[in-house]
Structure formats: structure tokens, C-alpha cells
Amino acid sequence: MYSLNVSRVGYKAHTIDKVEITSGGTSSLNIFLSPVEIEIDKINVTATKTETTLKQTPSSISIVNSDEIKNKNILTFDEVLDGVQE
């Protein structure tokens, strides 16, 4: 008998106890993981392609939060920038 630990980035880890594995046998197991939110640091994108702090940024800053991305069904970073006002 074994305990099976399943995890993936962006999903809640799951443990299944008492998994029986027999010699020479084949087993199948369906596992459904629940998605979780991942928090990341804010990203400052500049035209100079150099890392700068928010205080050093000479132009206006637009913030796009995760709810906006979800509601607009955005798939690429270019699509995020399309929605930012100049």
C-alpha cells in the first residue's frame, strides 16, 4: 500500500492514501485537482528593456489586474497591452 501525492503549479496538491500496487499489474486512477490562484510580483514593462523600479519609470503606469484578464478572455500578453489606454 502506498500514499500517492499529486501536485502541479496552479493547483491544490492532493494526497490519495492506501493505493495498492501489485507486481505485474496495471492500475488506472482518475485524479481531479482544484485550481488555485497564484500571486506574483508586479511587472514593470518599459520601452528601454532594462529593469527599473516603479519610482524610476518616467511615464504613466497602467495596472491590469487578473479579474480584467479573466473577464476579457485574454490569451496573450499582446492582448493585455491592446486594452491599455495611452
PDB file of N, CA and C in Angstrom:
ATOM      1  N   MET A   1       0.847  -1.187   0.000  1.00  0.00           N
ATOM      2  CA  MET A   1       0.000   0.000   0.000  1.00  0.00           C
ATOM      3  C   MET A   1       0.887   1.242   0.000  1.00  0.00           C
ATOM      4  N   TYR A   2       0.464   2.245  -0.771  1.00  0.00           N
ATOM      5  CA  TYR A   2       1.233   3.474  -0.909  1.00  0.00           C
ATOM      6  C   TYR A   2       0.322   4.678  -0.728  1.00  0.00           C
ATOM      7  N   SER A   3       0.950   5.818  -0.421  1.00  0.00           N
ATOM      8  CA  SER A   3       0.262   7.109  -0.458  1.00  0.00           C
ATOM      9  C   SER A   3       0.751   7.816  -1.710  1.00  0.00           C
ATOM     10  N   LEU A   4      -0.172   8.323  -2.499  1.00  0.00           N
ATOM     11  CA  LEU A   4       0.152   8.987  -3.747  1.00  0.00           C
ATOM     12  C   LEU A   4      -0.059  10.484  -3.564  1.00  0.00           C
ATOM     13  N   ASN A   5       1.002  11.260  -3.753  1.00  0.00           N
ATOM     14  CA  ASN A   5       0.925  12.719  -3.658  1.00  0.00           C
ATOM     15  C   ASN A   5       0.974  13.298  -5.068  1.00  0.00           C
ATOM     16  N   VAL A   6      -0.048  14.078  -5.417  1.00  0.00           N
ATOM     17  CA  VAL A   6      -0.143  14.662  -6.743  1.00  0.00           C
ATOM     18  C   VAL A   6      -0.148  16.181  -6.607  1.00  0.00           C
ATOM     19  N   SER A   7       0.710  16.851  -7.388  1.00  0.00           N
ATOM     20  CA  SER A   7       0.731  18.313  -7.341  1.00  0.00           C
ATOM     21  C   SER A   7       1.133  18.869  -8.704  1.00  0.00           C
ATOM     22  N   ARG A   8       0.687  20.096  -8.963  1.00  0.00           N
ATOM     23  CA  ARG A   8       1.031  20.814 -10.179  1.00  0.00           C
ATOM     24  C   ARG A   8       0.890  22.302  -9.877  1.00  0.00           C
ATOM     25  N   VAL A   9       1.757  23.110 -10.470  1.00  0.00           N
ATOM     26  CA  VAL A   9       1.711  24.550 -10.255  1.00  0.00           C
ATOM     27  C   VAL A   9       0.342  25.073 -10.688  1.00  0.00           C
ATOM     28  N   GLY A  10      -0.281  25.868  -9.818  1.00  0.00           N
ATOM     29  CA  GLY A  10      -1.593  26.429 -10.124  1.00  0.00           C
ATOM     30  C   GLY A  10      -2.760  25.583  -9.635  1.00  0.00           C
ATOM     31  N   TYR A  11      -2.448  24.438  -9.002  1.00  0.00           N
ATOM     32  CA  TYR A  11      -3.493  23.554  -8.498  1.00  0.00           C
ATOM     33  C   TYR A  11      -3.191  23.152  -7.060  1.00  0.00           C
ATOM     34  N   LYS A  12      -4.232  22.862  -6.297  1.00  0.00           N
ATOM     35  CA  LYS A  12      -4.086  22.422  -4.919  1.00  0.00           C
ATOM     36  C   LYS A  12      -3.572  20.976  -4.912  1.00  0.00           C
ATOM     37  N   ALA A  13      -2.538  20.727  -4.110  1.00  0.00           N
ATOM     38  CA  ALA A  13      -1.968  19.376  -4.005  1.00  0.00           C
ATOM     39  C   ALA A  13      -3.009  18.421  -3.422  1.00  0.00           C
ATOM     40  N   HIS A  14      -2.905  17.168  -3.805  1.00  0.00           N
ATOM     41  CA  HIS A  14      -3.888  16.165  -3.378  1.00  0.00           C
ATOM     42  C   HIS A  14      -3.147  14.875  -3.003  1.00  0.00           C
ATOM     43  N   THR A  15      -3.539  14.266  -1.915  1.00  0.00           N
ATOM     44  CA  THR A  15      -2.944  13.005  -1.467  1.00  0.00           C
ATOM     45  C   THR A  15      -4.009  11.920  -1.455  1.00  0.00           C
ATOM     46  N   ILE A  16      -3.665  10.781  -2.023  1.00  0.00           N
ATOM     47  CA  ILE A  16      -4.564   9.626  -2.003  1.00  0.00           C
ATOM     48  C   ILE A  16      -3.868   8.531  -1.201  1.00  0.00           C
ATOM     49  N   ASP A  17      -4.491   8.117  -0.118  1.00  0.00           N
ATOM     50  CA  ASP A  17      -3.922   7.089   0.751  1.00  0.00           C
ATOM     51  C   ASP A  17      -4.387   5.705   0.312  1.00  0.00           C
ATOM     52  N   LYS A  18      -3.623   4.732   0.720  1.00  0.00           N
ATOM     53  CA  LYS A  18      -3.958   3.320   0.515  1.00  0.00           C
ATOM     54  C   LYS A  18      -4.127   2.947  -0.960  1.00  0.00           C
ATOM     55  N   VAL A  19      -3.142   3.345  -1.778  1.00  0.00           N
ATOM     56  CA  VAL A  19      -3.128   2.937  -3.180  1.00  0.00           C
ATOM     57  C   VAL A  19      -2.401   1.601  -3.251  1.00  0.00           C
ATOM     58  N   GLU A  20      -3.077   0.599  -3.779  1.00  0.00           N
ATOM     59  CA  GLU A  20      -2.472  -0.732  -3.850  1.00  0.00           C
ATOM     60  C   GLU A  20      -1.830  -0.936  -5.215  1.00  0.00           C
ATOM     61  N   ILE A  21      -0.579  -1.342  -5.190  1.00  0.00           N
ATOM     62  CA  ILE A  21       0.160  -1.620  -6.417  1.00  0.00           C
ATOM     63  C   ILE A  21       0.613  -3.072  -6.358  1.00  0.00           C
ATOM     64  N   THR A  22       0.225  -3.823  -7.387  1.00  0.00           N
ATOM     65  CA  THR A  22       0.593  -5.238  -7.428  1.00  0.00           C
ATOM     66  C   THR A  22       1.650  -5.466  -8.496  1.00  0.00           C
ATOM     67  N   SER A  23       2.490  -6.445  -8.277  1.00  0.00           N
ATOM     68  CA  SER A  23       3.560  -6.777  -9.213  1.00  0.00           C
ATOM     69  C   SER A  23       2.977  -7.255 -10.536  1.00  0.00           C
ATOM     70  N   GLY A  24       3.414  -6.622 -11.639  1.00  0.00           N
ATOM     71  CA  GLY A  24       2.973  -7.036 -12.962  1.00  0.00           C
ATOM     72  C   GLY A  24       1.581  -6.578 -13.335  1.00  0.00           C
ATOM     73  N   GLY A  25       0.893  -5.895 -12.452  1.00  0.00           N
ATOM     74  CA  GLY A  25      -0.472  -5.455 -12.733  1.00  0.00           C
ATOM     75  C   GLY A  25      -0.505  -4.036 -13.284  1.00  0.00           C
ATOM     76  N   THR A  26      -1.634  -3.670 -13.828  1.00  0.00           N
ATOM     77  CA  THR A  26      -1.854  -2.316 -14.332  1.00  0.00           C
ATOM     78  C   THR A  26      -3.041  -1.725 -13.593  1.00  0.00           C
ATOM     79  N   SER A  27      -2.886  -0.491 -13.147  1.00  0.00           N
ATOM     80  CA  SER A  27      -3.970   0.188 -12.440  1.00  0.00           C
ATOM     81  C   SER A  27      -4.253   1.521 -13.116  1.00  0.00           C
ATOM     82  N   SER A  28      -5.470   1.971 -12.999  1.00  0.00           N
ATOM     83  CA  SER A  28      -5.871   3.268 -13.538  1.00  0.00           C
ATOM     84  C   SER A  28      -6.534   4.052 -12.417  1.00  0.00           C
ATOM     85  N   LEU A  29      -6.227   5.343 -12.358  1.00  0.00           N
ATOM     86  CA  LEU A  29      -6.755   6.179 -11.285  1.00  0.00           C
ATOM     87  C   LEU A  29      -7.074   7.552 -11.857  1.00  0.00           C
ATOM     88  N   ASN A  30      -8.304   8.022 -11.699  1.00  0.00           N
ATOM     89  CA  ASN A  30      -8.686   9.361 -12.142  1.00  0.00           C
ATOM     90  C   ASN A  30      -8.471  10.337 -10.993  1.00  0.00           C
ATOM     91  N   ILE A  31      -7.748  11.412 -11.271  1.00  0.00           N
ATOM     92  CA  ILE A  31      -7.443  12.409 -10.254  1.00  0.00           C
ATOM     93  C   ILE A  31      -7.859  13.778 -10.777  1.00  0.00           C
ATOM     94  N   PHE A  32      -8.621  14.508 -10.000  1.00  0.00           N
ATOM     95  CA  PHE A  32      -9.066  15.842 -10.373  1.00  0.00           C
ATOM     96  C   PHE A  32      -8.507  16.839  -9.353  1.00  0.00           C
ATOM     97  N   LEU A  33      -7.701  17.778  -9.827  1.00  0.00           N
ATOM     98  CA  LEU A  33      -7.110  18.793  -8.962  1.00  0.00           C
ATOM     99  C   LEU A  33      -7.916  20.080  -9.057  1.00  0.00           C
ATOM    100  N   SER A  34      -7.992  20.795  -7.948  1.00  0.00           N
ATOM    101  CA  SER A  34      -8.717  22.065  -7.907  1.00  0.00           C
ATOM    102  C   SER A  34      -7.749  23.212  -8.188  1.00  0.00           C
ATOM    103  N   PRO A  35      -8.108  24.123  -9.110  1.00  0.00           N
ATOM    104  CA  PRO A  35      -7.222  25.248  -9.395  1.00  0.00           C
ATOM    105  C   PRO A  35      -7.160  26.220  -8.223  1.00  0.00           C
ATOM    106  N   VAL A  36      -6.002  26.844  -8.037  1.00  0.00           N
ATOM    107  CA  VAL A  36      -5.821  27.880  -7.019  1.00  0.00           C
ATOM    108  C   VAL A  36      -5.160  29.086  -7.672  1.00  0.00           C
ATOM    109  N   GLU A  37      -5.355  30.254  -7.087  1.00  0.00           N
ATOM    110  CA  GLU A  37      -4.743  31.466  -7.618  1.00  0.00           C
ATOM    111  C   GLU A  37      -3.269  31.509  -7.251  1.00  0.00           C
ATOM    112  N   ILE A  38      -2.476  32.030  -8.167  1.00  0.00           N
ATOM    113  CA  ILE A  38      -1.048  32.194  -7.938  1.00  0.00           C
ATOM    114  C   ILE A  38      -0.760  33.685  -7.878  1.00  0.00           C
ATOM    115  N   GLU A  39      -0.136  34.131  -6.810  1.00  0.00           N
ATOM    116  CA  GLU A  39       0.224  35.532  -6.684  1.00  0.00           C
ATOM    117  C   GLU A  39       1.651  35.728  -7.147  1.00  0.00           C
ATOM    118  N   ILE A  40       1.849  36.720  -8.022  1.00  0.00           N
ATOM    119  CA  ILE A  40       3.192  37.037  -8.488  1.00  0.00           C
ATOM    120  C   ILE A  40       3.470  38.514  -8.220  1.00  0.00           C
ATOM    121  N   ASP A  41       4.730  38.871  -8.255  1.00  0.00           N
ATOM    122  CA  ASP A  41       5.094  40.269  -8.082  1.00  0.00           C
ATOM    123  C   ASP A  41       4.640  41.067  -9.296  1.00  0.00           C
ATOM    124  N   LYS A  42       4.457  42.384  -9.102  1.00  0.00           N
ATOM    125  CA  LYS A  42       4.073  43.247 -10.205  1.00  0.00           C
ATOM    126  C   LYS A  42       5.215  43.335 -11.202  1.00  0.00           C
ATOM    127  N   ILE A  43       4.871  43.439 -12.473  1.00  0.00           N
ATOM    128  CA  ILE A  43       5.853  43.518 -13.544  1.00  0.00           C
ATOM    129  C   ILE A  43       5.836  44.923 -14.118  1.00  0.00           C
ATOM    130  N   ASN A  44       6.988  45.523 -14.221  1.00  0.00           N
ATOM    131  CA  ASN A  44       7.120  46.857 -14.787  1.00  0.00           C
ATOM    132  C   ASN A  44       7.742  46.718 -16.171  1.00  0.00           C
ATOM    133  N   VAL A  45       6.967  46.992 -17.229  1.00  0.00           N
ATOM    134  CA  VAL A  45       7.445  46.856 -18.601  1.00  0.00           C
ATOM    135  C   VAL A  45       7.795  48.236 -19.126  1.00  0.00           C
ATOM    136  N   THR A  46       9.027  48.389 -19.634  1.00  0.00           N
ATOM    137  CA  THR A  46       9.463  49.672 -20.181  1.00  0.00           C
ATOM    138  C   THR A  46       9.950  49.493 -21.609  1.00  0.00           C
ATOM    139  N   ALA A  47      10.007  50.580 -22.343  1.00  0.00           N
ATOM    140  CA  ALA A  47      10.480  50.527 -23.728  1.00  0.00           C
ATOM    141  C   ALA A  47      11.989  50.340 -23.806  1.00  0.00           C
ATOM    142  N   THR A  48      12.704  50.619 -22.724  1.00  0.00           N
ATOM    143  CA  THR A  48      14.169  50.532 -22.743  1.00  0.00           C
ATOM    144  C   THR A  48      14.681  49.115 -22.551  1.00  0.00           C
ATOM    145  N   LYS A  49      13.807  48.196 -22.215  1.00  0.00           N
ATOM    146  CA  LYS A  49      14.163  46.796 -21.969  1.00  0.00           C
ATOM    147  C   LYS A  49      15.165  46.635 -20.826  1.00  0.00           C
ATOM    148  N   THR A  50      15.195  47.587 -19.927  1.00  0.00           N
ATOM    149  CA  THR A  50      16.046  47.477 -18.746  1.00  0.00           C
ATOM    150  C   THR A  50      15.168  47.482 -17.514  1.00  0.00           C
ATOM    151  N   GLU A  51      15.634  46.823 -16.494  1.00  0.00           N
ATOM    152  CA  GLU A  51      14.859  46.739 -15.259  1.00  0.00           C
ATOM    153  C   GLU A  51      14.894  48.082 -14.539  1.00  0.00           C
ATOM    154  N   THR A  52      13.723  48.597 -14.215  1.00  0.00           N
ATOM    155  CA  THR A  52      13.626  49.841 -13.454  1.00  0.00           C
ATOM    156  C   THR A  52      12.581  49.659 -12.360  1.00  0.00           C
ATOM    157  N   THR A  53      12.725  50.443 -11.319  1.00  0.00           N
ATOM    158  CA  THR A  53      11.711  50.417 -10.260  1.00  0.00           C
ATOM    159  C   THR A  53      10.541  51.279 -10.688  1.00  0.00           C
ATOM    160  N   LEU A  54       9.426  51.155 -10.008  1.00  0.00           N
ATOM    161  CA  LEU A  54       8.268  51.981 -10.342  1.00  0.00           C
ATOM    162  C   LEU A  54       8.558  53.464 -10.140  1.00  0.00           C
ATOM    163  N   LYS A  55       9.387  53.792  -9.154  1.00  0.00           N
ATOM    164  CA  LYS A  55       9.736  55.194  -8.910  1.00  0.00           C
ATOM    165  C   LYS A  55      10.586  55.769 -10.042  1.00  0.00           C
ATOM    166  N   GLN A  56      11.358  54.930 -10.710  1.00  0.00           N
ATOM    167  CA  GLN A  56      12.227  55.387 -11.790  1.00  0.00           C
ATOM    168  C   GLN A  56      11.517  55.461 -13.139  1.00  0.00           C
ATOM    169  N   THR A  57      10.322  54.952 -13.234  1.00  0.00           N
ATOM    170  CA  THR A  57       9.610  54.923 -14.504  1.00  0.00           C
ATOM    171  C   THR A  57       9.143  56.330 -14.870  1.00  0.00           C
ATOM    172  N   PRO A  58       9.577  56.848 -16.035  1.00  0.00           N
ATOM    173  CA  PRO A  58       9.286  58.240 -16.377  1.00  0.00           C
ATOM    174  C   PRO A  58       7.904  58.481 -16.975  1.00  0.00           C
ATOM    175  N   SER A  59       7.174  57.463 -17.343  1.00  0.00           N
ATOM    176  CA  SER A  59       5.887  57.668 -17.994  1.00  0.00           C
ATOM    177  C   SER A  59       4.742  57.169 -17.126  1.00  0.00           C
ATOM    178  N   SER A  60       3.536  57.269 -17.669  1.00  0.00           N
ATOM    179  CA  SER A  60       2.372  56.823 -16.906  1.00  0.00           C
ATOM    180  C   SER A  60       2.374  55.303 -16.771  1.00  0.00           C
ATOM    181  N   ILE A  61       1.685  54.836 -15.761  1.00  0.00           N
ATOM    182  CA  ILE A  61       1.624  53.404 -15.469  1.00  0.00           C
ATOM    183  C   ILE A  61       0.174  52.959 -15.516  1.00  0.00           C
ATOM    184  N   SER A  62      -0.079  51.854 -16.186  1.00  0.00           N
ATOM    185  CA  SER A  62      -1.414  51.262 -16.217  1.00  0.00           C
ATOM    186  C   SER A  62      -1.341  49.902 -15.537  1.00  0.00           C
ATOM    187  N   ILE A  63      -2.302  49.632 -14.692  1.00  0.00           N
ATOM    188  CA  ILE A  63      -2.347  48.353 -13.984  1.00  0.00           C
ATOM    189  C   ILE A  63      -3.500  47.530 -14.542  1.00  0.00           C
ATOM    190  N   VAL A  64      -3.193  46.297 -14.913  1.00  0.00           N
ATOM    191  CA  VAL A  64      -4.203  45.362 -15.393  1.00  0.00           C
ATOM    192  C   VAL A  64      -4.254  44.220 -14.382  1.00  0.00           C
ATOM    193  N   ASN A  65      -5.380  44.085 -13.701  1.00  0.00           N
ATOM    194  CA  ASN A  65      -5.460  43.029 -12.686  1.00  0.00           C
ATOM    195  C   ASN A  65      -5.992  41.727 -13.282  1.00  0.00           C
ATOM    196  N   SER A  66      -5.891  40.671 -12.521  1.00  0.00           N
ATOM    197  CA  SER A  66      -6.267  39.341 -13.011  1.00  0.00           C
ATOM    198  C   SER A  66      -7.750  39.247 -13.360  1.00  0.00           C
ATOM    199  N   ASP A  67      -8.606  39.986 -12.655  1.00  0.00           N
ATOM    200  CA  ASP A  67     -10.034  39.945 -12.966  1.00  0.00           C
ATOM    201  C   ASP A  67     -10.306  40.487 -14.368  1.00  0.00           C
ATOM    202  N   GLU A  68      -9.600  41.564 -14.751  1.00  0.00           N
ATOM    203  CA  GLU A  68      -9.778  42.118 -16.096  1.00  0.00           C
ATOM    204  C   GLU A  68      -9.353  41.109 -17.158  1.00  0.00           C
ATOM    205  N   ILE A  69      -8.252  40.424 -16.908  1.00  0.00           N
ATOM    206  CA  ILE A  69      -7.752  39.435 -17.862  1.00  0.00           C
ATOM    207  C   ILE A  69      -8.751  38.286 -18.004  1.00  0.00           C
ATOM    208  N   LYS A  70      -9.290  37.823 -16.879  1.00  0.00           N
ATOM    209  CA  LYS A  70     -10.278  36.724 -16.922  1.00  0.00           C
ATOM    210  C   LYS A  70     -11.544  37.143 -17.652  1.00  0.00           C
ATOM    211  N   ASN A  71     -12.056  38.354 -17.347  1.00  0.00           N
ATOM    212  CA  ASN A  71     -13.315  38.812 -17.932  1.00  0.00           C
ATOM    213  C   ASN A  71     -13.209  39.031 -19.429  1.00  0.00           C
ATOM    214  N   LYS A  72     -12.029  39.417 -19.917  1.00  0.00           N
ATOM    215  CA  LYS A  72     -11.847  39.683 -21.344  1.00  0.00           C
ATOM    216  C   LYS A  72     -11.341  38.452 -22.092  1.00  0.00           C
ATOM    217  N   ASN A  73     -11.118  37.357 -21.395  1.00  0.00           N
ATOM    218  CA  ASN A  73     -10.639  36.108 -22.006  1.00  0.00           C
ATOM    219  C   ASN A  73      -9.349  36.336 -22.796  1.00  0.00           C
ATOM    220  N   ILE A  74      -8.401  37.014 -22.172  1.00  0.00           N
ATOM    221  CA  ILE A  74      -7.130  37.347 -22.806  1.00  0.00           C
ATOM    222  C   ILE A  74      -6.210  36.132 -22.766  1.00  0.00           C
ATOM    223  N   LEU A  75      -5.582  35.834 -23.917  1.00  0.00           N
ATOM    224  CA  LEU A  75      -4.723  34.671 -24.012  1.00  0.00           C
ATOM    225  C   LEU A  75      -3.245  35.013 -24.147  1.00  0.00           C
ATOM    226  N   THR A  76      -2.924  36.197 -24.666  1.00  0.00           N
ATOM    227  CA  THR A  76      -1.526  36.568 -24.866  1.00  0.00           C
ATOM    228  C   THR A  76      -1.239  37.919 -24.230  1.00  0.00           C
ATOM    229  N   PHE A  77       0.051  38.190 -24.019  1.00  0.00           N
ATOM    230  CA  PHE A  77       0.454  39.453 -23.416  1.00  0.00           C
ATOM    231  C   PHE A  77       0.136  40.624 -24.343  1.00  0.00           C
ATOM    232  N   ASP A  78       0.225  40.409 -25.657  1.00  0.00           N
ATOM    233  CA  ASP A  78      -0.125  41.463 -26.622  1.00  0.00           C
ATOM    234  C   ASP A  78      -1.568  41.911 -26.449  1.00  0.00           C
ATOM    235  N   GLU A  79      -2.453  40.966 -26.172  1.00  0.00           N
ATOM    236  CA  GLU A  79      -3.859  41.302 -25.967  1.00  0.00           C
ATOM    237  C   GLU A  79      -4.051  42.129 -24.697  1.00  0.00           C
ATOM    238  N   VAL A  80      -3.217  41.901 -23.691  1.00  0.00           N
ATOM    239  CA  VAL A  80      -3.282  42.714 -22.472  1.00  0.00           C
ATOM    240  C   VAL A  80      -2.935  44.145 -22.805  1.00  0.00           C
ATOM    241  N   LEU A  81      -1.875  44.343 -23.596  1.00  0.00           N
ATOM    242  CA  LEU A  81      -1.428  45.690 -23.951  1.00  0.00           C
ATOM    243  C   LEU A  81      -2.420  46.399 -24.865  1.00  0.00           C
ATOM    244  N   ASP A  82      -3.171  45.666 -25.693  1.00  0.00           N
ATOM    245  CA  ASP A  82      -4.173  46.275 -26.570  1.00  0.00           C
ATOM    246  C   ASP A  82      -5.234  47.012 -25.774  1.00  0.00           C
ATOM    247  N   GLY A  83      -5.540  46.544 -24.588  1.00  0.00           N
ATOM    248  CA  GLY A  83      -6.581  47.154 -23.779  1.00  0.00           C
ATOM    249  C   GLY A  83      -6.107  48.296 -22.914  1.00  0.00           C
ATOM    250  N   VAL A  84      -4.815  48.600 -22.913  1.00  0.00           N
ATOM    251  CA  VAL A  84      -4.273  49.669 -22.064  1.00  0.00           C
ATOM    252  C   VAL A  84      -4.383  51.001 -22.792  1.00  0.00           C
ATOM    253  N   GLN A  85      -4.929  51.998 -22.098  1.00  0.00           N
ATOM    254  CA  GLN A  85      -5.071  53.341 -22.666  1.00  0.00           C
ATOM    255  C   GLN A  85      -3.723  54.046 -22.675  1.00  0.00           C
ATOM    256  N   GLU A  86      -3.441  54.773 -23.761  1.00  0.00           N
ATOM    257  CA  GLU A  86      -2.188  55.533 -23.846  1.00  0.00           C
ATOM    258  C   GLU A  86      -2.333  56.893 -23.224  1.00  0.00           C
TER     259      GLU A  86
END
